Amino acid sequence: MKFYKKLMEMARAITDRMCVLLIQFVAAMRRRLTQSMREFATDEQGDVPGWVLVVLMTTGLVTAIWTIAAPRLTAILKNSLDSMNGIR
């Protein structure tokens, strides 16, 4: 019985130490993340014209591809749905 109690005490001690180490690790990571976020917020000024250009180009590409592919996609979807009706 003494062995079991000693083993349980050791397990609790190890668990307590692991919890302390985990809390210290999380606190250190939080400090580093906060520091990185502060540096990013002060260094980053943004590039609004660049983002507007990316959005406009993406919209243009999607519209062009959709215009070309819409009839074929509609046919594929219609054929798929028609074949599903035949399964019932």
PDB file of N, CA and C in Angstrom:
ATOM      1  N   MET A   1       0.810  -1.182   0.000  1.00  0.00           N
ATOM      2  CA  MET A   1       0.000   0.000   0.000  1.00  0.00           C
ATOM      3  C   MET A   1       0.865   1.262   0.000  1.00  0.00           C
ATOM      4  N   LYS A   2       2.014   1.202   0.693  1.00  0.00           N
ATOM      5  CA  LYS A   2       2.910   2.351   0.725  1.00  0.00           C
ATOM      6  C   LYS A   2       3.432   2.679  -0.670  1.00  0.00           C
ATOM      7  N   PHE A   3       3.718   1.612  -1.436  1.00  0.00           N
ATOM      8  CA  PHE A   3       4.205   1.813  -2.795  1.00  0.00           C
ATOM      9  C   PHE A   3       3.169   2.561  -3.632  1.00  0.00           C
ATOM     10  N   TYR A   4       1.913   2.176  -3.506  1.00  0.00           N
ATOM     11  CA  TYR A   4       0.828   2.815  -4.254  1.00  0.00           C
ATOM     12  C   TYR A   4       0.719   4.286  -3.874  1.00  0.00           C
ATOM     13  N   LYS A   5       0.771   4.594  -2.580  1.00  0.00           N
ATOM     14  CA  LYS A   5       0.675   5.986  -2.136  1.00  0.00           C
ATOM     15  C   LYS A   5       1.854   6.803  -2.659  1.00  0.00           C
ATOM     16  N   LYS A   6       3.042   6.217  -2.604  1.00  0.00           N
ATOM     17  CA  LYS A   6       4.234   6.906  -3.091  1.00  0.00           C
ATOM     18  C   LYS A   6       4.120   7.160  -4.592  1.00  0.00           C
ATOM     19  N   LEU A   7       3.624   6.168  -5.304  1.00  0.00           N
ATOM     20  CA  LEU A   7       3.428   6.301  -6.743  1.00  0.00           C
ATOM     21  C   LEU A   7       2.418   7.399  -7.059  1.00  0.00           C
ATOM     22  N   MET A   8       1.336   7.471  -6.307  1.00  0.00           N
ATOM     23  CA  MET A   8       0.317   8.505  -6.518  1.00  0.00           C
ATOM     24  C   MET A   8       0.881   9.888  -6.210  1.00  0.00           C
ATOM     25  N   GLU A   9       1.696  10.004  -5.167  1.00  0.00           N
ATOM     26  CA  GLU A   9       2.317  11.284  -4.838  1.00  0.00           C
ATOM     27  C   GLU A   9       3.241  11.738  -5.965  1.00  0.00           C
ATOM     28  N   MET A  10       3.998  10.806  -6.504  1.00  0.00           N
ATOM     29  CA  MET A  10       4.893  11.135  -7.614  1.00  0.00           C
ATOM     30  C   MET A  10       4.093  11.562  -8.844  1.00  0.00           C
ATOM     31  N   ALA A  11       3.015  10.863  -9.109  1.00  0.00           N
ATOM     32  CA  ALA A  11       2.177  11.206 -10.257  1.00  0.00           C
ATOM     33  C   ALA A  11       1.580  12.596 -10.092  1.00  0.00           C
ATOM     34  N   ARG A  12       1.123  12.920  -8.890  1.00  0.00           N
ATOM     35  CA  ARG A  12       0.573  14.259  -8.635  1.00  0.00           C
ATOM     36  C   ARG A  12       1.646  15.325  -8.792  1.00  0.00           C
ATOM     37  N   ALA A  13       2.841  15.043  -8.301  1.00  0.00           N
ATOM     38  CA  ALA A  13       3.938  16.004  -8.413  1.00  0.00           C
ATOM     39  C   ALA A  13       4.292  16.253  -9.877  1.00  0.00           C
ATOM     40  N   ILE A  14       4.346  15.179 -10.641  1.00  0.00           N
ATOM     41  CA  ILE A  14       4.641  15.312 -12.071  1.00  0.00           C
ATOM     42  C   ILE A  14       3.532  16.075 -12.769  1.00  0.00           C
ATOM     43  N   THR A  15       2.295  15.745 -12.466  1.00  0.00           N
ATOM     44  CA  THR A  15       1.153  16.438 -13.073  1.00  0.00           C
ATOM     45  C   THR A  15       1.165  17.915 -12.712  1.00  0.00           C
ATOM     46  N   ASP A  16       1.433  18.236 -11.452  1.00  0.00           N
ATOM     47  CA  ASP A  16       1.496  19.635 -11.040  1.00  0.00           C
ATOM     48  C   ASP A  16       2.593  20.375 -11.787  1.00  0.00           C
ATOM     49  N   ARG A  17       3.750  19.758 -11.903  1.00  0.00           N
ATOM     50  CA  ARG A  17       4.876  20.396 -12.603  1.00  0.00           C
ATOM     51  C   ARG A  17       4.543  20.595 -14.079  1.00  0.00           C
ATOM     52  N   MET A  18       3.893  19.605 -14.694  1.00  0.00           N
ATOM     53  CA  MET A  18       3.502  19.733 -16.101  1.00  0.00           C
ATOM     54  C   MET A  18       2.500  20.869 -16.284  1.00  0.00           C
ATOM     55  N   CYS A  19       1.575  21.012 -15.342  1.00  0.00           N
ATOM     56  CA  CYS A  19       0.600  22.108 -15.422  1.00  0.00           C
ATOM     57  C   CYS A  19       1.300  23.451 -15.322  1.00  0.00           C
ATOM     58  N   VAL A  20       2.254  23.561 -14.421  1.00  0.00           N
ATOM     59  CA  VAL A  20       2.999  24.817 -14.271  1.00  0.00           C
ATOM     60  C   VAL A  20       3.756  25.130 -15.553  1.00  0.00           C
ATOM     61  N   LEU A  21       4.423  24.135 -16.117  1.00  0.00           N
ATOM     62  CA  LEU A  21       5.165  24.344 -17.362  1.00  0.00           C
ATOM     63  C   LEU A  21       4.239  24.734 -18.510  1.00  0.00           C
ATOM     64  N   LEU A  22       3.084  24.105 -18.578  1.00  0.00           N
ATOM     65  CA  LEU A  22       2.125  24.436 -19.625  1.00  0.00           C
ATOM     66  C   LEU A  22       1.615  25.865 -19.480  1.00  0.00           C
ATOM     67  N   ILE A  23       1.324  26.277 -18.260  1.00  0.00           N
ATOM     68  CA  ILE A  23       0.861  27.646 -18.021  1.00  0.00           C
ATOM     69  C   ILE A  23       1.958  28.641 -18.390  1.00  0.00           C
ATOM     70  N   GLN A  24       3.198  28.335 -18.049  1.00  0.00           N
ATOM     71  CA  GLN A  24       4.304  29.217 -18.400  1.00  0.00           C
ATOM     72  C   GLN A  24       4.476  29.303 -19.912  1.00  0.00           C
ATOM     73  N   PHE A  25       4.336  28.166 -20.591  1.00  0.00           N
ATOM     74  CA  PHE A  25       4.453  28.147 -22.049  1.00  0.00           C
ATOM     75  C   PHE A  25       3.362  28.987 -22.699  1.00  0.00           C
ATOM     76  N   VAL A  26       2.122  28.816 -22.234  1.00  0.00           N
ATOM     77  CA  VAL A  26       1.003  29.587 -22.800  1.00  0.00           C
ATOM     78  C   VAL A  26       1.206  31.076 -22.549  1.00  0.00           C
ATOM     79  N   ALA A  27       1.675  31.441 -21.367  1.00  0.00           N
ATOM     80  CA  ALA A  27       1.915  32.850 -21.060  1.00  0.00           C
ATOM     81  C   ALA A  27       3.007  33.421 -21.961  1.00  0.00           C
ATOM     82  N   ALA A  28       4.069  32.658 -22.191  1.00  0.00           N
ATOM     83  CA  ALA A  28       5.145  33.127 -23.062  1.00  0.00           C
ATOM     84  C   ALA A  28       4.660  33.289 -24.496  1.00  0.00           C
ATOM     85  N   MET A  29       3.879  32.335 -24.976  1.00  0.00           N
ATOM     86  CA  MET A  29       3.339  32.430 -26.335  1.00  0.00           C
ATOM     87  C   MET A  29       2.397  33.620 -26.466  1.00  0.00           C
ATOM     88  N   ARG A  30       1.619  33.882 -25.429  1.00  0.00           N
ATOM     89  CA  ARG A  30       0.706  35.029 -25.455  1.00  0.00           C
ATOM     90  C   ARG A  30       1.501  36.332 -25.531  1.00  0.00           C
ATOM     91  N   ARG A  31       2.585  36.407 -24.753  1.00  0.00           N
ATOM     92  CA  ARG A  31       3.420  37.615 -24.796  1.00  0.00           C
ATOM     93  C   ARG A  31       4.021  37.808 -26.176  1.00  0.00           C
ATOM     94  N   ARG A  32       4.533  36.714 -26.752  1.00  0.00           N
ATOM     95  CA  ARG A  32       5.133  36.820 -28.093  1.00  0.00           C
ATOM     96  C   ARG A  32       4.103  37.209 -29.146  1.00  0.00           C
ATOM     97  N   LEU A  33       2.927  36.624 -29.068  1.00  0.00           N
ATOM     98  CA  LEU A  33       1.880  36.938 -30.029  1.00  0.00           C
ATOM     99  C   LEU A  33       1.436  38.387 -29.901  1.00  0.00           C
ATOM    100  N   THR A  34       1.279  38.844 -28.666  1.00  0.00           N
ATOM    101  CA  THR A  34       0.895  40.242 -28.445  1.00  0.00           C
ATOM    102  C   THR A  34       1.956  41.176 -29.005  1.00  0.00           C
ATOM    103  N   GLN A  35       3.223  40.858 -28.769  1.00  0.00           N
ATOM    104  CA  GLN A  35       4.326  41.672 -29.294  1.00  0.00           C
ATOM    105  C   GLN A  35       4.293  41.691 -30.819  1.00  0.00           C
ATOM    106  N   SER A  36       4.106  40.519 -31.437  1.00  0.00           N
ATOM    107  CA  SER A  36       4.060  40.432 -32.896  1.00  0.00           C
ATOM    108  C   SER A  36       2.887  41.217 -33.458  1.00  0.00           C
ATOM    109  N   MET A  37       1.742  41.148 -32.796  1.00  0.00           N
ATOM    110  CA  MET A  37       0.570  41.883 -33.274  1.00  0.00           C
ATOM    111  C   MET A  37       0.800  43.382 -33.185  1.00  0.00           C
ATOM    112  N   ARG A  38       1.454  43.831 -32.111  1.00  0.00           N
ATOM    113  CA  ARG A  38       1.755  45.263 -31.986  1.00  0.00           C
ATOM    114  C   ARG A  38       2.696  45.716 -33.091  1.00  0.00           C
ATOM    115  N   GLU A  39       3.731  44.907 -33.364  1.00  0.00           N
ATOM    116  CA  GLU A  39       4.678  45.254 -34.424  1.00  0.00           C
ATOM    117  C   GLU A  39       3.987  45.275 -35.778  1.00  0.00           C
ATOM    118  N   PHE A  40       3.125  44.306 -36.030  1.00  0.00           N
ATOM    119  CA  PHE A  40       2.416  44.253 -37.303  1.00  0.00           C
ATOM    120  C   PHE A  40       1.485  45.444 -37.458  1.00  0.00           C
ATOM    121  N   ALA A  41       0.792  45.795 -36.384  1.00  0.00           N
ATOM    122  CA  ALA A  41      -0.159  46.905 -36.450  1.00  0.00           C
ATOM    123  C   ALA A  41       0.542  48.225 -36.701  1.00  0.00           C
ATOM    124  N   THR A  42       1.732  48.391 -36.174  1.00  0.00           N
ATOM    125  CA  THR A  42       2.437  49.658 -36.378  1.00  0.00           C
ATOM    126  C   THR A  42       3.189  49.679 -37.694  1.00  0.00           C
ATOM    127  N   ASP A  43       3.651  48.520 -38.192  1.00  0.00           N
ATOM    128  CA  ASP A  43       4.427  48.474 -39.428  1.00  0.00           C
ATOM    129  C   ASP A  43       3.550  48.449 -40.671  1.00  0.00           C
ATOM    130  N   GLU A  44       2.376  47.857 -40.577  1.00  0.00           N
ATOM    131  CA  GLU A  44       1.520  47.655 -41.743  1.00  0.00           C
ATOM    132  C   GLU A  44       0.636  48.870 -41.969  1.00  0.00           C
ATOM    133  N   GLN A  45       0.797  49.493 -43.123  1.00  0.00           N
ATOM    134  CA  GLN A  45      -0.038  50.643 -43.440  1.00  0.00           C
ATOM    135  C   GLN A  45      -1.140  50.283 -44.424  1.00  0.00           C
ATOM    136  N   GLY A  46      -1.002  49.167 -45.072  1.00  0.00           N
ATOM    137  CA  GLY A  46      -2.049  48.732 -45.991  1.00  0.00           C
ATOM    138  C   GLY A  46      -1.807  49.226 -47.400  1.00  0.00           C
ATOM    139  N   ASP A  47      -2.411  48.529 -48.334  1.00  0.00           N
ATOM    140  CA  ASP A  47      -2.260  48.867 -49.737  1.00  0.00           C
ATOM    141  C   ASP A  47      -3.649  48.806 -50.365  1.00  0.00           C
ATOM    142  N   VAL A  48      -4.446  49.818 -50.108  1.00  0.00           N
ATOM    143  CA  VAL A  48      -5.836  49.808 -50.562  1.00  0.00           C
ATOM    144  C   VAL A  48      -5.938  49.743 -52.077  1.00  0.00           C
ATOM    145  N   PRO A  49      -5.210  50.546 -52.844  1.00  0.00           N
ATOM    146  CA  PRO A  49      -5.334  50.428 -54.305  1.00  0.00           C
ATOM    147  C   PRO A  49      -4.974  49.022 -54.815  1.00  0.00           C
ATOM    148  N   GLY A  50      -3.990  48.388 -54.197  1.00  0.00           N
ATOM    149  CA  GLY A  50      -3.627  47.036 -54.600  1.00  0.00           C
ATOM    150  C   GLY A  50      -4.747  46.051 -54.342  1.00  0.00           C
ATOM    151  N   TRP A  51      -5.396  46.144 -53.164  1.00  0.00           N
ATOM    152  CA  TRP A  51      -6.500  45.241 -52.847  1.00  0.00           C
ATOM    153  C   TRP A  51      -7.693  45.487 -53.757  1.00  0.00           C
ATOM    154  N   VAL A  52      -7.947  46.746 -54.079  1.00  0.00           N
ATOM    155  CA  VAL A  52      -9.055  47.056 -55.003  1.00  0.00           C
ATOM    156  C   VAL A  52      -8.772  46.435 -56.359  1.00  0.00           C
ATOM    157  N   LEU A  53      -7.533  46.541 -56.816  1.00  0.00           N
ATOM    158  CA  LEU A  53      -7.163  45.949 -58.101  1.00  0.00           C
ATOM    159  C   LEU A  53      -7.323  44.429 -58.080  1.00  0.00           C
ATOM    160  N   VAL A  54      -6.917  43.793 -56.997  1.00  0.00           N
ATOM    161  CA  VAL A  54      -7.057  42.336 -56.890  1.00  0.00           C
ATOM    162  C   VAL A  54      -8.532  41.938 -56.922  1.00  0.00           C
ATOM    163  N   VAL A  55      -9.369  42.661 -56.195  1.00  0.00           N
ATOM    164  CA  VAL A  55     -10.804  42.342 -56.173  1.00  0.00           C
ATOM    165  C   VAL A  55     -11.417  42.536 -57.556  1.00  0.00           C
ATOM    166  N   LEU A  56     -11.091  43.633 -58.213  1.00  0.00           N
ATOM    167  CA  LEU A  56     -11.650  43.880 -59.544  1.00  0.00           C
ATOM    168  C   LEU A  56     -11.183  42.843 -60.563  1.00  0.00           C
ATOM    169  N   MET A  57      -9.913  42.477 -60.513  1.00  0.00           N
ATOM    170  CA  MET A  57      -9.411  41.480 -61.459  1.00  0.00           C
ATOM    171  C   MET A  57     -10.043  40.114 -61.200  1.00  0.00           C
ATOM    172  N   THR A  58     -10.188  39.751 -59.934  1.00  0.00           N
ATOM    173  CA  THR A  58     -10.821  38.471 -59.609  1.00  0.00           C
ATOM    174  C   THR A  58     -12.264  38.447 -60.078  1.00  0.00           C
ATOM    175  N   THR A  59     -12.973  39.541 -59.836  1.00  0.00           N
ATOM    176  CA  THR A  59     -14.361  39.631 -60.289  1.00  0.00           C
ATOM    177  C   THR A  59     -14.448  39.507 -61.804  1.00  0.00           C
ATOM    178  N   GLY A  60     -13.559  40.189 -62.507  1.00  0.00           N
ATOM    179  CA  GLY A  60     -13.539  40.107 -63.973  1.00  0.00           C
ATOM    180  C   GLY A  60     -13.266  38.696 -64.463  1.00  0.00           C
ATOM    181  N   LEU A  61     -12.283  38.030 -63.850  1.00  0.00           N
ATOM    182  CA  LEU A  61     -11.960  36.660 -64.263  1.00  0.00           C
ATOM    183  C   LEU A  61     -13.117  35.703 -64.007  1.00  0.00           C
ATOM    184  N   VAL A  62     -13.728  35.813 -62.830  1.00  0.00           N
ATOM    185  CA  VAL A  62     -14.855  34.929 -62.510  1.00  0.00           C
ATOM    186  C   VAL A  62     -16.005  35.171 -63.479  1.00  0.00           C
ATOM    187  N   THR A  63     -16.293  36.439 -63.778  1.00  0.00           N
ATOM    188  CA  THR A  63     -17.378  36.753 -64.719  1.00  0.00           C
ATOM    189  C   THR A  63     -17.080  36.193 -66.102  1.00  0.00           C
ATOM    190  N   ALA A  64     -15.844  36.359 -66.568  1.00  0.00           N
ATOM    191  CA  ALA A  64     -15.483  35.860 -67.903  1.00  0.00           C
ATOM    192  C   ALA A  64     -15.568  34.331 -67.960  1.00  0.00           C
ATOM    193  N   ILE A  65     -15.012  33.674 -66.960  1.00  0.00           N
ATOM    194  CA  ILE A  65     -15.049  32.206 -66.955  1.00  0.00           C
ATOM    195  C   ILE A  65     -16.480  31.706 -66.825  1.00  0.00           C
ATOM    196  N   TRP A  66     -17.277  32.351 -65.979  1.00  0.00           N
ATOM    197  CA  TRP A  66     -18.668  31.932 -65.791  1.00  0.00           C
ATOM    198  C   TRP A  66     -19.460  32.105 -67.083  1.00  0.00           C
ATOM    199  N   THR A  67     -19.218  33.204 -67.810  1.00  0.00           N
ATOM    200  CA  THR A  67     -19.927  33.446 -69.070  1.00  0.00           C
ATOM    201  C   THR A  67     -19.612  32.355 -70.082  1.00  0.00           C
ATOM    202  N   ILE A  68     -18.359  31.951 -70.129  1.00  0.00           N
ATOM    203  CA  ILE A  68     -17.959  30.933 -71.101  1.00  0.00           C
ATOM    204  C   ILE A  68     -18.447  29.549 -70.660  1.00  0.00           C
ATOM    205  N   ALA A  69     -18.367  29.252 -69.361  1.00  0.00           N
ATOM    206  CA  ALA A  69     -18.646  27.902 -68.891  1.00  0.00           C
ATOM    207  C   ALA A  69     -20.097  27.673 -68.478  1.00  0.00           C
ATOM    208  N   ALA A  70     -20.900  28.713 -68.352  1.00  0.00           N
ATOM    209  CA  ALA A  70     -22.273  28.572 -67.839  1.00  0.00           C
ATOM    210  C   ALA A  70     -23.115  27.566 -68.633  1.00  0.00           C
ATOM    211  N   PRO A  71     -23.141  27.625 -69.970  1.00  0.00           N
ATOM    212  CA  PRO A  71     -23.972  26.646 -70.688  1.00  0.00           C
ATOM    213  C   PRO A  71     -23.533  25.198 -70.434  1.00  0.00           C
ATOM    214  N   ARG A  72     -22.249  24.962 -70.422  1.00  0.00           N
ATOM    215  CA  ARG A  72     -21.742  23.599 -70.198  1.00  0.00           C
ATOM    216  C   ARG A  72     -22.025  23.139 -68.764  1.00  0.00           C
ATOM    217  N   LEU A  73     -21.834  24.025 -67.795  1.00  0.00           N
ATOM    218  CA  LEU A  73     -22.124  23.676 -66.405  1.00  0.00           C
ATOM    219  C   LEU A  73     -23.606  23.388 -66.201  1.00  0.00           C
ATOM    220  N   THR A  74     -24.456  24.159 -66.863  1.00  0.00           N
ATOM    221  CA  THR A  74     -25.896  23.930 -66.781  1.00  0.00           C
ATOM    222  C   THR A  74     -26.248  22.561 -67.365  1.00  0.00           C
ATOM    223  N   ALA A  75     -25.627  22.210 -68.478  1.00  0.00           N
ATOM    224  CA  ALA A  75     -25.892  20.910 -69.106  1.00  0.00           C
ATOM    225  C   ALA A  75     -25.419  19.770 -68.196  1.00  0.00           C
ATOM    226  N   ILE A  76     -24.261  19.927 -67.608  1.00  0.00           N
ATOM    227  CA  ILE A  76     -23.742  18.890 -66.701  1.00  0.00           C
ATOM    228  C   ILE A  76     -24.674  18.703 -65.511  1.00  0.00           C
ATOM    229  N   LEU A  77     -25.115  19.805 -64.917  1.00  0.00           N
ATOM    230  CA  LEU A  77     -26.021  19.722 -63.778  1.00  0.00           C
ATOM    231  C   LEU A  77     -27.351  19.089 -64.172  1.00  0.00           C
ATOM    232  N   LYS A  78     -27.889  19.477 -65.332  1.00  0.00           N
ATOM    233  CA  LYS A  78     -29.161  18.915 -65.786  1.00  0.00           C
ATOM    234  C   LYS A  78     -29.036  17.423 -66.036  1.00  0.00           C
ATOM    235  N   ASN A  79     -27.951  16.996 -66.670  1.00  0.00           N
ATOM    236  CA  ASN A  79     -27.738  15.567 -66.918  1.00  0.00           C
ATOM    237  C   ASN A  79     -27.595  14.794 -65.605  1.00  0.00           C
ATOM    238  N   SER A  80     -26.896  15.367 -64.653  1.00  0.00           N
ATOM    239  CA  SER A  80     -26.722  14.698 -63.360  1.00  0.00           C
ATOM    240  C   SER A  80     -28.058  14.532 -62.652  1.00  0.00           C
ATOM    241  N   LEU A  81     -28.850  15.583 -62.644  1.00  0.00           N
ATOM    242  CA  LEU A  81     -30.151  15.506 -61.981  1.00  0.00           C
ATOM    243  C   LEU A  81     -31.083  14.538 -62.698  1.00  0.00           C
ATOM    244  N   ASP A  82     -31.031  14.541 -64.033  1.00  0.00           N
ATOM    245  CA  ASP A  82     -31.864  13.598 -64.783  1.00  0.00           C
ATOM    246  C   ASP A  82     -31.463  12.161 -64.501  1.00  0.00           C
ATOM    247  N   SER A  83     -30.164  11.899 -64.389  1.00  0.00           N
ATOM    248  CA  SER A  83     -29.731  10.538 -64.111  1.00  0.00           C
ATOM    249  C   SER A  83     -30.094  10.124 -62.668  1.00  0.00           C
ATOM    250  N   MET A  84     -30.126  11.080 -61.747  1.00  0.00           N
ATOM    251  CA  MET A  84     -30.549  10.782 -60.373  1.00  0.00           C
ATOM    252  C   MET A  84     -32.030  10.429 -60.328  1.00  0.00           C
ATOM    253  N   ASN A  85     -32.839  11.037 -61.168  1.00  0.00           N
ATOM    254  CA  ASN A  85     -34.261  10.712 -61.205  1.00  0.00           C
ATOM    255  C   ASN A  85     -34.476   9.283 -61.688  1.00  0.00           C
ATOM    256  N   GLY A  86     -33.589   8.781 -62.533  1.00  0.00           N
ATOM    257  CA  GLY A  86     -33.702   7.419 -63.027  1.00  0.00           C
ATOM    258  C   GLY A  86     -33.360   6.372 -61.979  1.00  0.00           C
ATOM    259  N   ILE A  87     -32.638   6.757 -60.932  1.00  0.00           N
ATOM    260  CA  ILE A  87     -32.218   5.805 -59.889  1.00  0.00           C
ATOM    261  C   ILE A  87     -33.403   5.404 -59.021  1.00  0.00           C
ATOM    262  N   ARG A  88     -34.312   6.322 -58.779  1.00  0.00           N
ATOM    263  CA  ARG A  88     -35.460   6.041 -57.903  1.00  0.00           C
ATOM    264  C   ARG A  88     -36.278   4.989 -58.473  1.00  0.00           C
TER     265      ARG A  88
END
